Amino acid sequence: MDKVRKALGMGITCALVAALTGCFAQPTVSGPQVASTNEGTSMGVITVNASSEVRVVPDKASFNVSVVTQGETPEEAQQASVQPVEAVIEALRQAGLDDRSIQTSYTNLSPRYDWSGEVEAIVGYEMRTAISVSDVDVDGVSELMSACVAAGATGVDGPSYYASSYDESYAEALAQAVASSQDKAQAMADAAGVKLGEVVSIVEGYQNTSFRYAEEMEMDVASSDALDAGAGAAKVSPGEVSIEAQVTVGYAID
């Protein structure tokens, strides 16, 4: 009887050990382990990044002009700016620009100091007015800037260039980027010894719209007395701007 009880006790003990061991055992994972990457193969998909650019000659421009005047009092400095500011705006209108293309973008009235003594002293006031000019045809921008100077502007900043064909050029760059992505994916598939399948995902990347001409209306810079005043201006050279498209495309592996 003692032998039977001892045998039963050992059996129960082994069963408990086996049960506890099963409870705490680590699971076995089968199948491939997948790592997430920006470009490569994952879960039967080849993902590639591609970009392309289209270079175009800009046909639109914008620039800024400033008028700085001084006076012994704030009123004098401000009043001194009225005539040249109005003259600059009128020169722009006479050149054929619509009021929507002429914007007073900044004004500032501040004291002028004499720093030569031990104590700073106000010796007068200065008025600064900035005018932004947009919707300008590239061919007339240099004459227009000089016309502003002749009318009373004391500073010119620009030009900045834009392309009215931006949207069409960007679509062309997108198409080229997608085609490039297929070439890259095919090269990766060939190297891996697999067959490239259909597109399963496509994401547009960052788009730089700084060269995009936003206005729909066309502004013609006409020949006028204002432009004649700037006939001796140095010509600007717009060159080319680069319109780039970026895509991330996923291809199935057949």
C-alpha atoms as a PDB file:
ATOM      1  CA  MET A   1       0.000   0.000   0.000  1.00  0.00           C
ATOM      2  CA  ASP A   2       2.837   2.414   0.816  1.00  0.00           C
ATOM      3  CA  LYS A   3       4.369   1.709  -2.590  1.00  0.00           C
ATOM      4  CA  VAL A   4       1.090   2.475  -4.322  1.00  0.00           C
ATOM      5  CA  ARG A   5       0.672   5.753  -2.412  1.00  0.00           C
ATOM      6  CA  LYS A   6       4.249   6.733  -3.212  1.00  0.00           C
ATOM      7  CA  ALA A   7       3.746   6.024  -6.910  1.00  0.00           C
ATOM      8  CA  LEU A   8       0.542   8.055  -6.987  1.00  0.00           C
ATOM      9  CA  GLY A   9       2.290  10.968  -5.249  1.00  0.00           C
ATOM     10  CA  MET A  10       5.109  11.004  -7.772  1.00  0.00           C
ATOM     11  CA  GLY A  11       2.617  10.925 -10.645  1.00  0.00           C
ATOM     12  CA  ILE A  12       0.676  13.889  -9.267  1.00  0.00           C
ATOM     13  CA  THR A  13       3.907  15.817  -8.739  1.00  0.00           C
ATOM     14  CA  CYS A  14       5.037  15.222 -12.345  1.00  0.00           C
ATOM     15  CA  ALA A  15       1.660  16.307 -13.667  1.00  0.00           C
ATOM     16  CA  LEU A  16       1.808  19.561 -11.695  1.00  0.00           C
ATOM     17  CA  VAL A  17       5.345  20.287 -12.889  1.00  0.00           C
ATOM     18  CA  ALA A  18       4.314  19.662 -16.489  1.00  0.00           C
ATOM     19  CA  ALA A  19       1.282  21.926 -16.133  1.00  0.00           C
ATOM     20  CA  LEU A  20       3.292  24.743 -14.560  1.00  0.00           C
ATOM     21  CA  THR A  21       5.997  24.405 -17.184  1.00  0.00           C
ATOM     22  CA  GLY A  22       3.386  24.753 -19.924  1.00  0.00           C
ATOM     23  CA  CYS A  23       1.984  27.884 -18.285  1.00  0.00           C
ATOM     24  CA  PHE A  24       5.318  29.712 -18.203  1.00  0.00           C
ATOM     25  CA  ALA A  25       6.868  28.431 -21.428  1.00  0.00           C
ATOM     26  CA  GLN A  26       7.627  31.036 -24.122  1.00  0.00           C
ATOM     27  CA  PRO A  27       5.468  30.722 -27.278  1.00  0.00           C
ATOM     28  CA  THR A  28       7.100  29.621 -30.493  1.00  0.00           C
ATOM     29  CA  VAL A  29       6.611  32.067 -33.392  1.00  0.00           C
ATOM     30  CA  SER A  30       6.727  30.698 -36.908  1.00  0.00           C
ATOM     31  CA  GLY A  31       6.782  32.537 -40.194  1.00  0.00           C
ATOM     32  CA  PRO A  32       8.809  35.520 -41.411  1.00  0.00           C
ATOM     33  CA  GLN A  33       9.669  38.428 -39.148  1.00  0.00           C
ATOM     34  CA  VAL A  34       8.902  41.771 -40.852  1.00  0.00           C
ATOM     35  CA  ALA A  35      10.864  44.989 -40.292  1.00  0.00           C
ATOM     36  CA  SER A  36       9.367  48.340 -41.330  1.00  0.00           C
ATOM     37  CA  THR A  37      11.575  50.363 -43.677  1.00  0.00           C
ATOM     38  CA  ASN A  38      11.179  53.462 -45.794  1.00  0.00           C
ATOM     39  CA  GLU A  39      12.398  51.673 -48.897  1.00  0.00           C
ATOM     40  CA  GLY A  40      12.811  47.939 -49.469  1.00  0.00           C
ATOM     41  CA  THR A  41      10.775  44.729 -49.426  1.00  0.00           C
ATOM     42  CA  SER A  42       8.198  43.941 -46.734  1.00  0.00           C
ATOM     43  CA  MET A  43       5.227  41.540 -46.576  1.00  0.00           C
ATOM     44  CA  GLY A  44       5.427  40.821 -50.304  1.00  0.00           C
ATOM     45  CA  VAL A  45       5.750  44.502 -51.241  1.00  0.00           C
ATOM     46  CA  ILE A  46       8.634  46.507 -52.693  1.00  0.00           C
ATOM     47  CA  THR A  47       8.454  50.166 -51.623  1.00  0.00           C
ATOM     48  CA  VAL A  48      10.555  52.838 -53.315  1.00  0.00           C
ATOM     49  CA  ASN A  49      10.996  56.600 -53.099  1.00  0.00           C
ATOM     50  CA  ALA A  50      11.442  58.535 -56.331  1.00  0.00           C
ATOM     51  CA  SER A  51      11.608  62.153 -57.441  1.00  0.00           C
ATOM     52  CA  SER A  52      11.815  64.127 -60.657  1.00  0.00           C
ATOM     53  CA  GLU A  53      12.085  67.781 -61.646  1.00  0.00           C
ATOM     54  CA  VAL A  54      10.962  69.890 -64.573  1.00  0.00           C
ATOM     55  CA  ARG A  55      12.760  73.156 -65.274  1.00  0.00           C
ATOM     56  CA  VAL A  56      10.766  76.051 -66.725  1.00  0.00           C
ATOM     57  CA  VAL A  57      11.403  79.688 -67.556  1.00  0.00           C
ATOM     58  CA  PRO A  58       9.282  81.885 -65.223  1.00  0.00           C
ATOM     59  CA  ASP A  59       6.929  84.369 -66.863  1.00  0.00           C
ATOM     60  CA  LYS A  60       5.625  86.263 -63.804  1.00  0.00           C
ATOM     61  CA  ALA A  61       7.354  88.288 -61.089  1.00  0.00           C
ATOM     62  CA  SER A  62       6.797  90.295 -57.922  1.00  0.00           C
ATOM     63  CA  PHE A  63       8.924  92.796 -56.029  1.00  0.00           C
ATOM     64  CA  ASN A  64       8.857  95.253 -53.124  1.00  0.00           C
ATOM     65  CA  VAL A  65       9.684  98.954 -53.056  1.00  0.00           C
ATOM     66  CA  SER A  66      10.169 101.178 -50.021  1.00  0.00           C
ATOM     67  CA  VAL A  67       9.885 104.886 -49.305  1.00  0.00           C
ATOM     68  CA  VAL A  68      11.869 106.351 -46.383  1.00  0.00           C
ATOM     69  CA  THR A  69      11.343 109.940 -45.251  1.00  0.00           C
ATOM     70  CA  GLN A  70      12.517 111.950 -42.257  1.00  0.00           C
ATOM     71  CA  GLY A  71      11.351 114.938 -40.227  1.00  0.00           C
ATOM     72  CA  GLU A  72      12.011 116.747 -36.974  1.00  0.00           C
ATOM     73  CA  THR A  73       8.623 115.634 -35.595  1.00  0.00           C
ATOM     74  CA  PRO A  74       6.564 112.470 -36.164  1.00  0.00           C
ATOM     75  CA  GLU A  75       4.010 114.509 -38.090  1.00  0.00           C
ATOM     76  CA  GLU A  76       6.655 115.964 -40.397  1.00  0.00           C
ATOM     77  CA  ALA A  77       8.170 112.558 -41.134  1.00  0.00           C
ATOM     78  CA  GLN A  78       4.772 111.074 -41.862  1.00  0.00           C
ATOM     79  CA  GLN A  79       3.623 113.984 -43.993  1.00  0.00           C
ATOM     80  CA  ALA A  80       6.853 113.885 -45.998  1.00  0.00           C
ATOM     81  CA  SER A  81       6.059 110.318 -47.079  1.00  0.00           C
ATOM     82  CA  VAL A  82       2.602 111.078 -48.493  1.00  0.00           C
ATOM     83  CA  GLN A  83       3.681 112.545 -51.832  1.00  0.00           C
ATOM     84  CA  PRO A  84       6.353 109.954 -52.827  1.00  0.00           C
ATOM     85  CA  VAL A  85       4.164 107.029 -51.762  1.00  0.00           C
ATOM     86  CA  GLU A  86       1.239 108.310 -53.797  1.00  0.00           C
ATOM     87  CA  ALA A  87       3.579 108.981 -56.738  1.00  0.00           C
ATOM     88  CA  VAL A  88       4.916 105.401 -56.668  1.00  0.00           C
ATOM     89  CA  ILE A  89       1.421 103.928 -56.574  1.00  0.00           C
ATOM     90  CA  GLU A  90       0.294 106.193 -59.418  1.00  0.00           C
ATOM     91  CA  ALA A  91       3.318 105.156 -61.504  1.00  0.00           C
ATOM     92  CA  LEU A  92       2.332 101.518 -61.021  1.00  0.00           C
ATOM     93  CA  ARG A  93      -1.237 102.257 -62.082  1.00  0.00           C
ATOM     94  CA  GLN A  94      -0.046 104.170 -65.121  1.00  0.00           C
ATOM     95  CA  ALA A  95       2.053 101.136 -66.046  1.00  0.00           C
ATOM     96  CA  GLY A  96      -1.133  99.076 -66.330  1.00  0.00           C
ATOM     97  CA  LEU A  97      -1.251  97.276 -62.963  1.00  0.00           C
ATOM     98  CA  ASP A  98      -4.570  96.690 -61.251  1.00  0.00           C
ATOM     99  CA  ASP A  99      -5.052  97.913 -57.669  1.00  0.00           C
ATOM    100  CA  ARG A 100      -5.218  94.272 -56.569  1.00  0.00           C
ATOM    101  CA  SER A 101      -1.567  93.957 -57.579  1.00  0.00           C
ATOM    102  CA  ILE A 102      -0.442  96.940 -55.470  1.00  0.00           C
ATOM    103  CA  GLN A 103      -0.383  96.558 -51.693  1.00  0.00           C
ATOM    104  CA  THR A 104       0.934  98.789 -48.918  1.00  0.00           C
ATOM    105  CA  SER A 105       2.433  95.916 -46.935  1.00  0.00           C
ATOM    106  CA  TYR A 106       4.323  97.703 -44.152  1.00  0.00           C
ATOM    107  CA  THR A 107       4.569 101.089 -42.435  1.00  0.00           C
ATOM    108  CA  ASN A 108       6.765 102.128 -39.532  1.00  0.00           C
ATOM    109  CA  LEU A 109       7.322 105.455 -37.771  1.00  0.00           C
ATOM    110  CA  SER A 110      10.262 105.511 -35.359  1.00  0.00           C
ATOM    111  CA  PRO A 111      12.593 108.041 -33.675  1.00  0.00           C
ATOM    112  CA  ARG A 112      16.154 108.679 -34.822  1.00  0.00           C
ATOM    113  CA  TYR A 113      18.780 108.857 -32.054  1.00  0.00           C
ATOM    114  CA  ASP A 114      22.086 110.619 -31.602  1.00  0.00           C
ATOM    115  CA  TRP A 115      24.431 108.131 -29.917  1.00  0.00           C
ATOM    116  CA  SER A 116      27.474 110.384 -29.797  1.00  0.00           C
ATOM    117  CA  GLY A 117      26.845 111.742 -26.287  1.00  0.00           C
ATOM    118  CA  GLU A 118      26.670 110.022 -22.935  1.00  0.00           C
ATOM    119  CA  VAL A 119      22.883 110.125 -23.061  1.00  0.00           C
ATOM    120  CA  GLU A 120      20.973 109.146 -26.184  1.00  0.00           C
ATOM    121  CA  ALA A 121      18.931 111.950 -27.676  1.00  0.00           C
ATOM    122  CA  ILE A 122      16.108 111.952 -30.191  1.00  0.00           C
ATOM    123  CA  VAL A 123      17.141 114.097 -33.146  1.00  0.00           C
ATOM    124  CA  GLY A 124      14.206 113.414 -35.451  1.00  0.00           C
ATOM    125  CA  TYR A 125      11.850 110.778 -36.829  1.00  0.00           C
ATOM    126  CA  GLU A 126      11.821 108.394 -39.748  1.00  0.00           C
ATOM    127  CA  MET A 127       8.854 107.001 -41.683  1.00  0.00           C
ATOM    128  CA  ARG A 128       9.202 103.772 -43.660  1.00  0.00           C
ATOM    129  CA  THR A 129       6.548 102.537 -46.094  1.00  0.00           C
ATOM    130  CA  ALA A 130       6.804  99.289 -48.074  1.00  0.00           C
ATOM    131  CA  ILE A 131       4.752  98.537 -51.176  1.00  0.00           C
ATOM    132  CA  SER A 132       4.399  95.007 -52.590  1.00  0.00           C
ATOM    133  CA  VAL A 133       3.912  94.669 -56.335  1.00  0.00           C
ATOM    134  CA  SER A 134       2.654  91.409 -57.901  1.00  0.00           C
ATOM    135  CA  ASP A 135       1.267  90.062 -61.185  1.00  0.00           C
ATOM    136  CA  VAL A 136       4.090  91.590 -63.210  1.00  0.00           C
ATOM    137  CA  ASP A 137       5.158  90.155 -66.562  1.00  0.00           C
ATOM    138  CA  VAL A 138       8.844  89.239 -66.427  1.00  0.00           C
ATOM    139  CA  ASP A 139       9.606  91.216 -69.574  1.00  0.00           C
ATOM    140  CA  GLY A 140       8.584  94.491 -67.902  1.00  0.00           C
ATOM    141  CA  VAL A 141       9.765  94.034 -64.327  1.00  0.00           C
ATOM    142  CA  SER A 142      13.089  95.906 -64.574  1.00  0.00           C
ATOM    143  CA  GLU A 143      11.501  98.983 -66.195  1.00  0.00           C
ATOM    144  CA  LEU A 144       8.710  98.921 -63.627  1.00  0.00           C
ATOM    145  CA  MET A 145      11.133  98.865 -60.694  1.00  0.00           C
ATOM    146  CA  SER A 146      13.056 101.802 -62.165  1.00  0.00           C
ATOM    147  CA  ALA A 147       9.812 103.693 -62.705  1.00  0.00           C
ATOM    148  CA  CYS A 148       9.089 103.319 -58.972  1.00  0.00           C
ATOM    149  CA  VAL A 149      12.514 104.753 -58.124  1.00  0.00           C
ATOM    150  CA  ALA A 150      11.943 107.664 -60.504  1.00  0.00           C
ATOM    151  CA  ALA A 151       8.601 108.329 -58.793  1.00  0.00           C
ATOM    152  CA  GLY A 152      10.169 108.560 -55.316  1.00  0.00           C
ATOM    153  CA  ALA A 153      10.949 105.057 -54.029  1.00  0.00           C
ATOM    154  CA  THR A 154      14.167 104.924 -52.003  1.00  0.00           C
ATOM    155  CA  GLY A 155      14.646 101.158 -52.094  1.00  0.00           C
ATOM    156  CA  VAL A 156      13.815  98.106 -54.230  1.00  0.00           C
ATOM    157  CA  ASP A 157      13.794  94.442 -53.160  1.00  0.00           C
ATOM    158  CA  GLY A 158      13.344  91.678 -55.714  1.00  0.00           C
ATOM    159  CA  PRO A 159      12.252  90.372 -58.055  1.00  0.00           C
ATOM    160  CA  SER A 160      10.832  86.982 -57.107  1.00  0.00           C
ATOM    161  CA  TYR A 161       9.858  84.723 -60.002  1.00  0.00           C
ATOM    162  CA  TYR A 162       6.820  82.526 -60.668  1.00  0.00           C
ATOM    163  CA  ALA A 163       5.579  80.243 -63.439  1.00  0.00           C
ATOM    164  CA  SER A 164       1.989  80.392 -64.666  1.00  0.00           C
ATOM    165  CA  SER A 165       2.515  76.870 -66.069  1.00  0.00           C
ATOM    166  CA  TYR A 166       3.393  75.516 -62.612  1.00  0.00           C
ATOM    167  CA  ASP A 167       0.458  73.084 -62.331  1.00  0.00           C
ATOM    168  CA  GLU A 168       1.094  71.508 -65.742  1.00  0.00           C
ATOM    169  CA  SER A 169       4.833  71.250 -65.049  1.00  0.00           C
ATOM    170  CA  TYR A 170       4.224  69.706 -61.621  1.00  0.00           C
ATOM    171  CA  ALA A 171       1.912  67.080 -63.151  1.00  0.00           C
ATOM    172  CA  GLU A 172       4.668  66.254 -65.645  1.00  0.00           C
ATOM    173  CA  ALA A 173       7.197  65.907 -62.820  1.00  0.00           C
ATOM    174  CA  LEU A 174       4.795  63.611 -60.928  1.00  0.00           C
ATOM    175  CA  ALA A 175       4.419  61.332 -63.946  1.00  0.00           C
ATOM    176  CA  GLN A 176       8.187  61.163 -64.370  1.00  0.00           C
ATOM    177  CA  ALA A 177       8.657  60.372 -60.663  1.00  0.00           C
ATOM    178  CA  VAL A 178       6.193  57.461 -60.853  1.00  0.00           C
ATOM    179  CA  ALA A 179       7.960  56.107 -63.935  1.00  0.00           C
ATOM    180  CA  SER A 180      11.276  56.385 -62.113  1.00  0.00           C
ATOM    181  CA  SER A 181       9.852  54.499 -59.138  1.00  0.00           C
ATOM    182  CA  GLN A 182       8.951  51.574 -61.398  1.00  0.00           C
ATOM    183  CA  ASP A 183      12.502  51.428 -62.759  1.00  0.00           C
ATOM    184  CA  LYS A 184      13.918  51.372 -59.228  1.00  0.00           C
ATOM    185  CA  ALA A 185      11.440  48.725 -58.061  1.00  0.00           C
ATOM    186  CA  GLN A 186      12.202  46.530 -61.093  1.00  0.00           C
ATOM    187  CA  ALA A 187      15.921  46.721 -60.368  1.00  0.00           C
ATOM    188  CA  MET A 188      15.282  45.655 -56.766  1.00  0.00           C
ATOM    189  CA  ALA A 189      12.998  42.818 -57.865  1.00  0.00           C
ATOM    190  CA  ASP A 190      15.592  41.541 -60.346  1.00  0.00           C
ATOM    191  CA  ALA A 191      18.294  41.642 -57.688  1.00  0.00           C
ATOM    192  CA  ALA A 192      16.057  39.741 -55.249  1.00  0.00           C
ATOM    193  CA  GLY A 193      15.024  37.154 -57.844  1.00  0.00           C
ATOM    194  CA  VAL A 194      11.301  37.933 -57.622  1.00  0.00           C
ATOM    195  CA  LYS A 195       8.660  39.106 -60.081  1.00  0.00           C
ATOM    196  CA  LEU A 196       7.400  42.684 -59.818  1.00  0.00           C
ATOM    197  CA  GLY A 197       3.619  43.024 -59.614  1.00  0.00           C
ATOM    198  CA  GLU A 198       1.081  45.842 -59.718  1.00  0.00           C
ATOM    199  CA  VAL A 199       1.101  49.099 -57.752  1.00  0.00           C
ATOM    200  CA  VAL A 200      -0.550  48.612 -54.352  1.00  0.00           C
ATOM    201  CA  SER A 201       0.075  52.067 -52.848  1.00  0.00           C
ATOM    202  CA  ILE A 202       1.243  55.480 -53.947  1.00  0.00           C
ATOM    203  CA  VAL A 203       1.813  58.577 -51.780  1.00  0.00           C
ATOM    204  CA  GLU A 204       2.680  62.073 -52.929  1.00  0.00           C
ATOM    205  CA  GLY A 205       5.635  63.641 -51.150  1.00  0.00           C
ATOM    206  CA  TYR A 206       6.443  67.219 -50.153  1.00  0.00           C
ATOM    207  CA  GLN A 207       5.507  69.849 -52.726  1.00  0.00           C
ATOM    208  CA  ASN A 208       7.322  73.182 -52.872  1.00  0.00           C
ATOM    209  CA  THR A 209       4.844  75.708 -54.285  1.00  0.00           C
ATOM    210  CA  SER A 210       7.057  78.793 -53.958  1.00  0.00           C
ATOM    211  CA  PHE A 211       7.236  79.187 -57.758  1.00  0.00           C
ATOM    212  CA  ARG A 212       3.501  78.720 -58.318  1.00  0.00           C
ATOM    213  CA  TYR A 213       1.705  81.696 -59.840  1.00  0.00           C
ATOM    214  CA  ALA A 214      -1.542  81.901 -57.850  1.00  0.00           C
ATOM    215  CA  GLU A 215      -3.498  84.533 -59.768  1.00  0.00           C
ATOM    216  CA  GLU A 216      -5.747  83.556 -62.682  1.00  0.00           C
ATOM    217  CA  MET A 217      -5.876  86.996 -64.280  1.00  0.00           C
ATOM    218  CA  GLU A 218      -3.197  88.105 -66.708  1.00  0.00           C
ATOM    219  CA  MET A 219      -1.663  91.582 -66.244  1.00  0.00           C
ATOM    220  CA  ASP A 220      -0.100  93.322 -69.227  1.00  0.00           C
ATOM    221  CA  VAL A 221       2.548  95.925 -68.380  1.00  0.00           C
ATOM    222  CA  ALA A 222       1.804  98.599 -70.971  1.00  0.00           C
ATOM    223  CA  SER A 223       4.183 101.096 -72.471  1.00  0.00           C
ATOM    224  CA  SER A 224       3.708 104.405 -70.648  1.00  0.00           C
ATOM    225  CA  ASP A 225       5.467 107.504 -69.359  1.00  0.00           C
ATOM    226  CA  ALA A 226       6.162 105.603 -66.132  1.00  0.00           C
ATOM    227  CA  LEU A 227       8.020 102.892 -68.030  1.00  0.00           C
ATOM    228  CA  ASP A 228       9.825 105.457 -70.167  1.00  0.00           C
ATOM    229  CA  ALA A 229      11.252 106.888 -66.947  1.00  0.00           C
ATOM    230  CA  GLY A 230      12.984 103.555 -66.324  1.00  0.00           C
ATOM    231  CA  ALA A 231      14.165 102.982 -69.875  1.00  0.00           C
ATOM    232  CA  GLY A 232      17.794 102.898 -68.739  1.00  0.00           C
ATOM    233  CA  ALA A 233      17.228 100.187 -66.127  1.00  0.00           C
ATOM    234  CA  ALA A 234      19.417  97.095 -66.086  1.00  0.00           C
ATOM    235  CA  LYS A 235      17.557  94.100 -67.471  1.00  0.00           C
ATOM    236  CA  VAL A 236      16.784  91.190 -65.159  1.00  0.00           C
ATOM    237  CA  SER A 237      17.551  87.600 -66.123  1.00  0.00           C
ATOM    238  CA  PRO A 238      14.889  85.162 -64.861  1.00  0.00           C
ATOM    239  CA  GLY A 239      16.798  82.032 -65.873  1.00  0.00           C
ATOM    240  CA  GLU A 240      14.922  78.836 -64.970  1.00  0.00           C
ATOM    241  CA  VAL A 241      13.130  77.538 -61.878  1.00  0.00           C
ATOM    242  CA  SER A 242      12.995  73.897 -60.815  1.00  0.00           C
ATOM    243  CA  ILE A 243       9.607  72.283 -60.143  1.00  0.00           C
ATOM    244  CA  GLU A 244      10.092  68.993 -58.265  1.00  0.00           C
ATOM    245  CA  ALA A 245       7.731  66.125 -57.428  1.00  0.00           C
ATOM    246  CA  GLN A 246       8.306  63.293 -54.929  1.00  0.00           C
ATOM    247  CA  VAL A 247       6.430  60.001 -54.583  1.00  0.00           C
ATOM    248  CA  THR A 248       6.551  56.826 -52.498  1.00  0.00           C
ATOM    249  CA  VAL A 249       5.200  53.802 -54.403  1.00  0.00           C
ATOM    250  CA  GLY A 250       4.576  50.241 -53.240  1.00  0.00           C
ATOM    251  CA  TYR A 251       4.667  47.359 -55.748  1.00  0.00           C
ATOM    252  CA  ALA A 252       3.349  43.852 -55.064  1.00  0.00           C
ATOM    253  CA  ILE A 253       5.668  40.870 -55.425  1.00  0.00           C
ATOM    254  CA  ASP A 254       4.018  38.175 -57.591  1.00  0.00           C
END
